Amino acid sequence: MSHCCGNTTFTGLDPLYLRILWLIIAINGVMFGVEIVAGIAAQSQALQADALDFLGDTISYSISLWVIGKAVSVRSNAALFKGLSLLLMAIWVTGSTIYRVFVMNAPDAMTMGGVAIAAFVANMICVLLLMRYKNGDANIRSVWLCSRNDAIGNIIVLIAASGVWYSETPWPDLVTALIMAALFLSSAWQITRQALLEKKEGEEDRISSGIQGL
């Protein structure tokens, strides 16, 4: 789909979007620091997974900022890298969660809930800022998908905190971490698929332009 009007896919060349992206990078960087400290202190796998997501987003959005305005091949390769990073995060979260099954320590539900609320507010700010840019190219769409999934993940963490408090067991926390890993996998698939399509179309356009120039 196009941005605003016309048939041209939005690629990020908008001064307002660039300023928004800088702000979102800062928000994600701060929230990574908050959540990783809280997650370790509360022994919450879900919070640590969410903190890793904030770190991944900070790096991913920085890459998005760097590739804006560059060739289709560069932008699609950047999106492929993001898809791979999401896949690796999903694998790490799944593996570490399985490990935690054998180390059954119930996390601090109050810390989980408080941090989840703060993270949700931060991510909703990002989602609202990005709302009008959600249908851009693979690079731009990856930013939207990550922010949207983060907000969903925060709600799930908040529900998990309630479950931990009620059951006094770590199972809601561990299940939540696995759900977040599934969200990572879903986003990785969507971003990778769109990036490969754009890469193919860009290559076809390049070949077609070369033939016409003969």
C-alpha atoms as a PDB file:
ATOM      1  CA  MET A   1       0.000   0.000   0.000  1.00  0.00           C
ATOM      2  CA  SER A   2       1.087   3.563  -0.535  1.00  0.00           C
ATOM      3  CA  HIS A   3       1.706   6.366   1.934  1.00  0.00           C
ATOM      4  CA  CYS A   4      -0.955   9.114   1.940  1.00  0.00           C
ATOM      5  CA  CYS A   5      -1.749   9.216  -1.751  1.00  0.00           C
ATOM      6  CA  GLY A   6      -0.446   8.049  -5.095  1.00  0.00           C
ATOM      7  CA  ASN A   7       1.055   4.655  -5.929  1.00  0.00           C
ATOM      8  CA  THR A   8       4.577   5.132  -4.630  1.00  0.00           C
ATOM      9  CA  THR A   9       5.484   3.063  -1.580  1.00  0.00           C
ATOM     10  CA  PHE A  10       6.689   5.252   1.287  1.00  0.00           C
ATOM     11  CA  THR A  11      10.439   4.764   1.865  1.00  0.00           C
ATOM     12  CA  GLY A  12      11.009   7.084   4.828  1.00  0.00           C
ATOM     13  CA  LEU A  13      12.041  10.246   2.975  1.00  0.00           C
ATOM     14  CA  ASP A  14      10.090  12.603   5.203  1.00  0.00           C
ATOM     15  CA  PRO A  15      11.767  14.992   7.717  1.00  0.00           C
ATOM     16  CA  LEU A  16       8.956  14.415  10.226  1.00  0.00           C
ATOM     17  CA  TYR A  17       9.362  10.640   9.994  1.00  0.00           C
ATOM     18  CA  LEU A  18      13.109  10.953  10.539  1.00  0.00           C
ATOM     19  CA  ARG A  19      12.562  12.997  13.707  1.00  0.00           C
ATOM     20  CA  ILE A  20      10.006  10.475  14.926  1.00  0.00           C
ATOM     21  CA  LEU A  21      12.464   7.648  14.298  1.00  0.00           C
ATOM     22  CA  TRP A  22      15.178   9.380  16.351  1.00  0.00           C
ATOM     23  CA  LEU A  23      12.702   9.795  19.230  1.00  0.00           C
ATOM     24  CA  ILE A  24      11.650   6.144  19.048  1.00  0.00           C
ATOM     25  CA  ILE A  25      15.282   4.994  19.068  1.00  0.00           C
ATOM     26  CA  ALA A  26      15.841   6.977  22.278  1.00  0.00           C
ATOM     27  CA  ILE A  27      12.689   5.576  23.920  1.00  0.00           C
ATOM     28  CA  ASN A  28      13.658   1.994  23.106  1.00  0.00           C
ATOM     29  CA  GLY A  29      17.218   2.468  24.339  1.00  0.00           C
ATOM     30  CA  VAL A  30      16.046   3.801  27.699  1.00  0.00           C
ATOM     31  CA  MET A  31      13.433   1.064  28.128  1.00  0.00           C
ATOM     32  CA  PHE A  32      16.000  -1.644  27.380  1.00  0.00           C
ATOM     33  CA  GLY A  33      18.079  -0.436  30.324  1.00  0.00           C
ATOM     34  CA  VAL A  34      15.050  -0.272  32.607  1.00  0.00           C
ATOM     35  CA  GLU A  35      13.688  -3.701  31.683  1.00  0.00           C
ATOM     36  CA  ILE A  36      16.939  -5.661  31.699  1.00  0.00           C
ATOM     37  CA  VAL A  37      17.740  -4.456  35.216  1.00  0.00           C
ATOM     38  CA  ALA A  38      14.179  -5.091  36.409  1.00  0.00           C
ATOM     39  CA  GLY A  39      13.970  -8.458  34.654  1.00  0.00           C
ATOM     40  CA  ILE A  40      17.146  -9.755  36.288  1.00  0.00           C
ATOM     41  CA  ALA A  41      16.158  -8.373  39.691  1.00  0.00           C
ATOM     42  CA  ALA A  42      12.645  -9.855  39.465  1.00  0.00           C
ATOM     43  CA  GLN A  43      13.887 -13.136  37.925  1.00  0.00           C
ATOM     44  CA  SER A  44      11.323 -12.672  35.164  1.00  0.00           C
ATOM     45  CA  GLN A  45      11.959 -14.434  31.866  1.00  0.00           C
ATOM     46  CA  ALA A  46       9.182 -12.435  30.212  1.00  0.00           C
ATOM     47  CA  LEU A  47      10.691  -9.080  31.244  1.00  0.00           C
ATOM     48  CA  GLN A  48      14.141 -10.151  30.061  1.00  0.00           C
ATOM     49  CA  ALA A  49      12.669 -11.253  26.729  1.00  0.00           C
ATOM     50  CA  ASP A  50      10.923  -7.895  26.407  1.00  0.00           C
ATOM     51  CA  ALA A  51      14.159  -6.089  27.303  1.00  0.00           C
ATOM     52  CA  LEU A  52      15.947  -8.008  24.558  1.00  0.00           C
ATOM     53  CA  ASP A  53      13.201  -6.903  22.215  1.00  0.00           C
ATOM     54  CA  PHE A  54      13.785  -3.255  23.154  1.00  0.00           C
ATOM     55  CA  LEU A  55      17.515  -3.699  22.451  1.00  0.00           C
ATOM     56  CA  GLY A  56      16.806  -5.359  19.119  1.00  0.00           C
ATOM     57  CA  ASP A  57      14.441  -2.546  18.202  1.00  0.00           C
ATOM     58  CA  THR A  58      17.005   0.107  19.101  1.00  0.00           C
ATOM     59  CA  ILE A  59      19.532  -1.505  16.758  1.00  0.00           C
ATOM     60  CA  SER A  60      16.920  -2.248  14.097  1.00  0.00           C
ATOM     61  CA  TYR A  61      15.538   1.297  14.062  1.00  0.00           C
ATOM     62  CA  SER A  62      19.053   2.703  13.833  1.00  0.00           C
ATOM     63  CA  ILE A  63      19.616   0.565  10.752  1.00  0.00           C
ATOM     64  CA  SER A  64      16.277   1.754   9.350  1.00  0.00           C
ATOM     65  CA  LEU A  65      17.414   5.359   9.801  1.00  0.00           C
ATOM     66  CA  TRP A  66      20.713   4.644   8.061  1.00  0.00           C
ATOM     67  CA  VAL A  67      19.201   2.970   4.959  1.00  0.00           C
ATOM     68  CA  ILE A  68      16.484   5.540   4.282  1.00  0.00           C
ATOM     69  CA  GLY A  69      17.006   7.028   0.833  1.00  0.00           C
ATOM     70  CA  LYS A  70      19.404   4.290  -0.255  1.00  0.00           C
ATOM     71  CA  ALA A  71      18.914   1.815  -3.106  1.00  0.00           C
ATOM     72  CA  VAL A  72      16.184  -0.832  -2.966  1.00  0.00           C
ATOM     73  CA  SER A  73      18.797  -3.576  -2.660  1.00  0.00           C
ATOM     74  CA  VAL A  74      20.347  -1.913   0.405  1.00  0.00           C
ATOM     75  CA  ARG A  75      16.970  -1.378   2.052  1.00  0.00           C
ATOM     76  CA  SER A  76      15.776  -4.919   1.356  1.00  0.00           C
ATOM     77  CA  ASN A  77      19.051  -6.391   2.654  1.00  0.00           C
ATOM     78  CA  ALA A  78      18.642  -4.345   5.840  1.00  0.00           C
ATOM     79  CA  ALA A  79      15.112  -5.701   6.244  1.00  0.00           C
ATOM     80  CA  LEU A  80      16.428  -9.249   5.732  1.00  0.00           C
ATOM     81  CA  PHE A  81      18.957  -8.634   8.512  1.00  0.00           C
ATOM     82  CA  LYS A  82      16.130  -7.514  10.789  1.00  0.00           C
ATOM     83  CA  GLY A  83      14.161 -10.636   9.957  1.00  0.00           C
ATOM     84  CA  LEU A  84      17.178 -12.767  10.835  1.00  0.00           C
ATOM     85  CA  SER A  85      17.718 -10.895  14.111  1.00  0.00           C
ATOM     86  CA  LEU A  86      14.085 -11.505  15.086  1.00  0.00           C
ATOM     87  CA  LEU A  87      14.510 -15.202  14.307  1.00  0.00           C
ATOM     88  CA  LEU A  88      17.616 -15.364  16.507  1.00  0.00           C
ATOM     89  CA  MET A  89      15.781 -13.595  19.337  1.00  0.00           C
ATOM     90  CA  ALA A  90      12.959 -16.119  19.065  1.00  0.00           C
ATOM     91  CA  ILE A  91      15.438 -18.992  19.296  1.00  0.00           C
ATOM     92  CA  TRP A  92      17.225 -17.438  22.293  1.00  0.00           C
ATOM     93  CA  VAL A  93      14.002 -16.714  24.189  1.00  0.00           C
ATOM     94  CA  THR A  94      12.679 -20.208  23.519  1.00  0.00           C
ATOM     95  CA  GLY A  95      15.925 -21.877  24.593  1.00  0.00           C
ATOM     96  CA  SER A  96      16.378 -19.807  27.749  1.00  0.00           C
ATOM     97  CA  THR A  97      12.727 -20.312  28.689  1.00  0.00           C
ATOM     98  CA  ILE A  98      13.039 -24.080  28.343  1.00  0.00           C
ATOM     99  CA  TYR A  99      16.096 -23.864  30.607  1.00  0.00           C
ATOM    100  CA  ARG A 100      14.109 -21.886  33.174  1.00  0.00           C
ATOM    101  CA  VAL A 101      11.545 -24.697  33.300  1.00  0.00           C
ATOM    102  CA  PHE A 102      14.171 -26.659  35.213  1.00  0.00           C
ATOM    103  CA  VAL A 103      15.010 -23.703  37.476  1.00  0.00           C
ATOM    104  CA  MET A 104      11.597 -22.964  38.906  1.00  0.00           C
ATOM    105  CA  ASN A 105      11.845 -19.624  40.719  1.00  0.00           C
ATOM    106  CA  ALA A 106       8.672 -17.555  40.793  1.00  0.00           C
ATOM    107  CA  PRO A 107       9.399 -13.963  39.649  1.00  0.00           C
ATOM    108  CA  ASP A 108       8.374 -10.818  41.522  1.00  0.00           C
ATOM    109  CA  ALA A 109       4.856 -10.160  40.211  1.00  0.00           C
ATOM    110  CA  MET A 110       4.718  -6.538  41.413  1.00  0.00           C
ATOM    111  CA  THR A 111       7.931  -5.619  39.606  1.00  0.00           C
ATOM    112  CA  MET A 112       6.726  -7.423  36.471  1.00  0.00           C
ATOM    113  CA  GLY A 113       3.432  -5.547  36.494  1.00  0.00           C
ATOM    114  CA  GLY A 114       4.898  -2.109  37.175  1.00  0.00           C
ATOM    115  CA  VAL A 115       7.572  -2.367  34.505  1.00  0.00           C
ATOM    116  CA  ALA A 116       5.114  -3.864  31.999  1.00  0.00           C
ATOM    117  CA  ILE A 117       2.827  -0.842  32.430  1.00  0.00           C
ATOM    118  CA  ALA A 118       5.738   1.578  31.886  1.00  0.00           C
ATOM    119  CA  ALA A 119       6.874  -0.363  28.821  1.00  0.00           C
ATOM    120  CA  PHE A 120       3.333  -0.421  27.422  1.00  0.00           C
ATOM    121  CA  VAL A 121       3.040   3.364  27.734  1.00  0.00           C
ATOM    122  CA  ALA A 122       6.409   3.801  25.993  1.00  0.00           C
ATOM    123  CA  ASN A 123       5.454   1.457  23.162  1.00  0.00           C
ATOM    124  CA  MET A 124       2.009   2.991  22.691  1.00  0.00           C
ATOM    125  CA  ILE A 125       3.688   6.370  22.205  1.00  0.00           C
ATOM    126  CA  CYS A 126       5.816   4.754  19.483  1.00  0.00           C
ATOM    127  CA  VAL A 127       2.797   3.033  17.895  1.00  0.00           C
ATOM    128  CA  LEU A 128       0.773   6.242  17.746  1.00  0.00           C
ATOM    129  CA  LEU A 129       3.706   8.174  16.277  1.00  0.00           C
ATOM    130  CA  LEU A 130       4.177   5.501  13.585  1.00  0.00           C
ATOM    131  CA  MET A 131       0.506   4.881  12.790  1.00  0.00           C
ATOM    132  CA  ARG A 132       0.452   6.876   9.550  1.00  0.00           C
ATOM    133  CA  TYR A 133       3.667   5.213   8.325  1.00  0.00           C
ATOM    134  CA  LYS A 134       2.685   1.560   8.843  1.00  0.00           C
ATOM    135  CA  ASN A 135       2.298   0.685   5.144  1.00  0.00           C
ATOM    136  CA  GLY A 136       5.711   1.626   3.769  1.00  0.00           C
ATOM    137  CA  ASP A 137       8.379  -0.589   2.249  1.00  0.00           C
ATOM    138  CA  ALA A 138       9.830  -3.614   4.103  1.00  0.00           C
ATOM    139  CA  ASN A 139      12.264  -1.390   6.006  1.00  0.00           C
ATOM    140  CA  ILE A 140       9.540   1.019   7.183  1.00  0.00           C
ATOM    141  CA  ARG A 141       6.991  -1.727   7.822  1.00  0.00           C
ATOM    142  CA  SER A 142       9.472  -3.576  10.036  1.00  0.00           C
ATOM    143  CA  VAL A 143       9.573  -0.544  12.360  1.00  0.00           C
ATOM    144  CA  TRP A 144       5.782  -0.520  12.614  1.00  0.00           C
ATOM    145  CA  LEU A 145       5.524  -4.288  13.174  1.00  0.00           C
ATOM    146  CA  CYS A 146       8.148  -4.257  15.928  1.00  0.00           C
ATOM    147  CA  SER A 147       6.458  -1.386  17.790  1.00  0.00           C
ATOM    148  CA  ARG A 148       3.015  -2.950  17.458  1.00  0.00           C
ATOM    149  CA  ASN A 149       4.238  -6.337  18.670  1.00  0.00           C
ATOM    150  CA  ASP A 150       6.025  -4.693  21.585  1.00  0.00           C
ATOM    151  CA  ALA A 151       2.782  -3.103  22.785  1.00  0.00           C
ATOM    152  CA  ILE A 152       0.996  -6.453  22.489  1.00  0.00           C
ATOM    153  CA  GLY A 153       3.848  -8.123  24.346  1.00  0.00           C
ATOM    154  CA  ASN A 154       3.597  -5.634  27.210  1.00  0.00           C
ATOM    155  CA  ILE A 155      -0.096  -6.427  27.691  1.00  0.00           C
ATOM    156  CA  ILE A 156       0.746 -10.134  27.751  1.00  0.00           C
ATOM    157  CA  VAL A 157       3.498  -9.519  30.338  1.00  0.00           C
ATOM    158  CA  LEU A 158       1.024  -7.584  32.486  1.00  0.00           C
ATOM    159  CA  ILE A 159      -1.431 -10.495  32.307  1.00  0.00           C
ATOM    160  CA  ALA A 160       1.422 -12.868  33.159  1.00  0.00           C
ATOM    161  CA  ALA A 161       2.296 -10.776  36.216  1.00  0.00           C
ATOM    162  CA  SER A 162      -1.283 -11.166  37.424  1.00  0.00           C
ATOM    163  CA  GLY A 163      -1.023 -14.901  36.809  1.00  0.00           C
ATOM    164  CA  VAL A 164       2.224 -15.166  38.756  1.00  0.00           C
ATOM    165  CA  TRP A 165       0.714 -13.212  41.636  1.00  0.00           C
ATOM    166  CA  TYR A 166      -2.425 -15.351  41.693  1.00  0.00           C
ATOM    167  CA  SER A 167      -0.813 -18.770  41.213  1.00  0.00           C
ATOM    168  CA  GLU A 168       2.480 -18.058  43.001  1.00  0.00           C
ATOM    169  CA  THR A 169       4.229 -20.098  40.300  1.00  0.00           C
ATOM    170  CA  PRO A 170       6.554 -19.104  37.414  1.00  0.00           C
ATOM    171  CA  TRP A 171       4.420 -20.786  34.736  1.00  0.00           C
ATOM    172  CA  PRO A 172       2.557 -17.655  33.529  1.00  0.00           C
ATOM    173  CA  ASP A 173       5.932 -15.909  33.121  1.00  0.00           C
ATOM    174  CA  LEU A 174       7.422 -18.813  31.147  1.00  0.00           C
ATOM    175  CA  VAL A 175       4.370 -19.215  28.904  1.00  0.00           C
ATOM    176  CA  THR A 176       4.421 -15.482  28.196  1.00  0.00           C
ATOM    177  CA  ALA A 177       8.063 -15.646  27.131  1.00  0.00           C
ATOM    178  CA  LEU A 178       7.169 -18.407  24.641  1.00  0.00           C
ATOM    179  CA  ILE A 179       4.257 -16.342  23.280  1.00  0.00           C
ATOM    180  CA  MET A 180       6.656 -13.446  22.722  1.00  0.00           C
ATOM    181  CA  ALA A 181       9.032 -15.794  20.910  1.00  0.00           C
ATOM    182  CA  ALA A 182       6.122 -16.718  18.614  1.00  0.00           C
ATOM    183  CA  LEU A 183       5.503 -13.009  17.938  1.00  0.00           C
ATOM    184  CA  PHE A 184       9.174 -12.622  17.002  1.00  0.00           C
ATOM    185  CA  LEU A 185       8.849 -15.530  14.569  1.00  0.00           C
ATOM    186  CA  SER A 186       5.705 -14.074  12.997  1.00  0.00           C
ATOM    187  CA  SER A 187       7.330 -10.677  12.446  1.00  0.00           C
ATOM    188  CA  ALA A 188      10.497 -12.295  11.108  1.00  0.00           C
ATOM    189  CA  TRP A 189       8.416 -14.165   8.510  1.00  0.00           C
ATOM    190  CA  GLN A 190       6.429 -11.088   7.416  1.00  0.00           C
ATOM    191  CA  ILE A 191       9.490  -8.827   7.155  1.00  0.00           C
ATOM    192  CA  THR A 192      11.599 -11.429   5.346  1.00  0.00           C
ATOM    193  CA  ARG A 193       8.857 -12.272   2.865  1.00  0.00           C
ATOM    194  CA  GLN A 194       8.270  -8.613   1.947  1.00  0.00           C
ATOM    195  CA  ALA A 195      12.015  -7.897   1.754  1.00  0.00           C
ATOM    196  CA  LEU A 196      12.605 -10.826  -0.613  1.00  0.00           C
ATOM    197  CA  LEU A 197       9.718  -9.680  -2.816  1.00  0.00           C
ATOM    198  CA  GLU A 198      11.054  -6.112  -2.974  1.00  0.00           C
ATOM    199  CA  LYS A 199      14.551  -7.410  -3.653  1.00  0.00           C
ATOM    200  CA  LYS A 200      13.236  -9.502  -6.552  1.00  0.00           C
ATOM    201  CA  GLU A 201      11.204  -6.607  -7.971  1.00  0.00           C
ATOM    202  CA  GLY A 202      14.214  -4.294  -7.669  1.00  0.00           C
ATOM    203  CA  GLU A 203      16.390  -6.760  -9.560  1.00  0.00           C
ATOM    204  CA  GLU A 204      13.759  -7.128 -12.289  1.00  0.00           C
ATOM    205  CA  ASP A 205      13.500  -3.338 -12.629  1.00  0.00           C
ATOM    206  CA  ARG A 206      17.292  -3.075 -12.878  1.00  0.00           C
ATOM    207  CA  ILE A 207      17.433  -5.719 -15.618  1.00  0.00           C
ATOM    208  CA  SER A 208      14.510  -4.110 -17.450  1.00  0.00           C
ATOM    209  CA  SER A 209      16.197  -0.688 -17.315  1.00  0.00           C
ATOM    210  CA  GLY A 210      19.408  -2.200 -18.612  1.00  0.00           C
ATOM    211  CA  ILE A 211      17.646  -3.826 -21.551  1.00  0.00           C
ATOM    212  CA  GLN A 212      15.816  -0.602 -22.428  1.00  0.00           C
ATOM    213  CA  GLY A 213      19.105   1.256 -22.367  1.00  0.00           C
ATOM    214  CA  LEU A 214      20.615  -0.978 -25.051  1.00  0.00           C
END
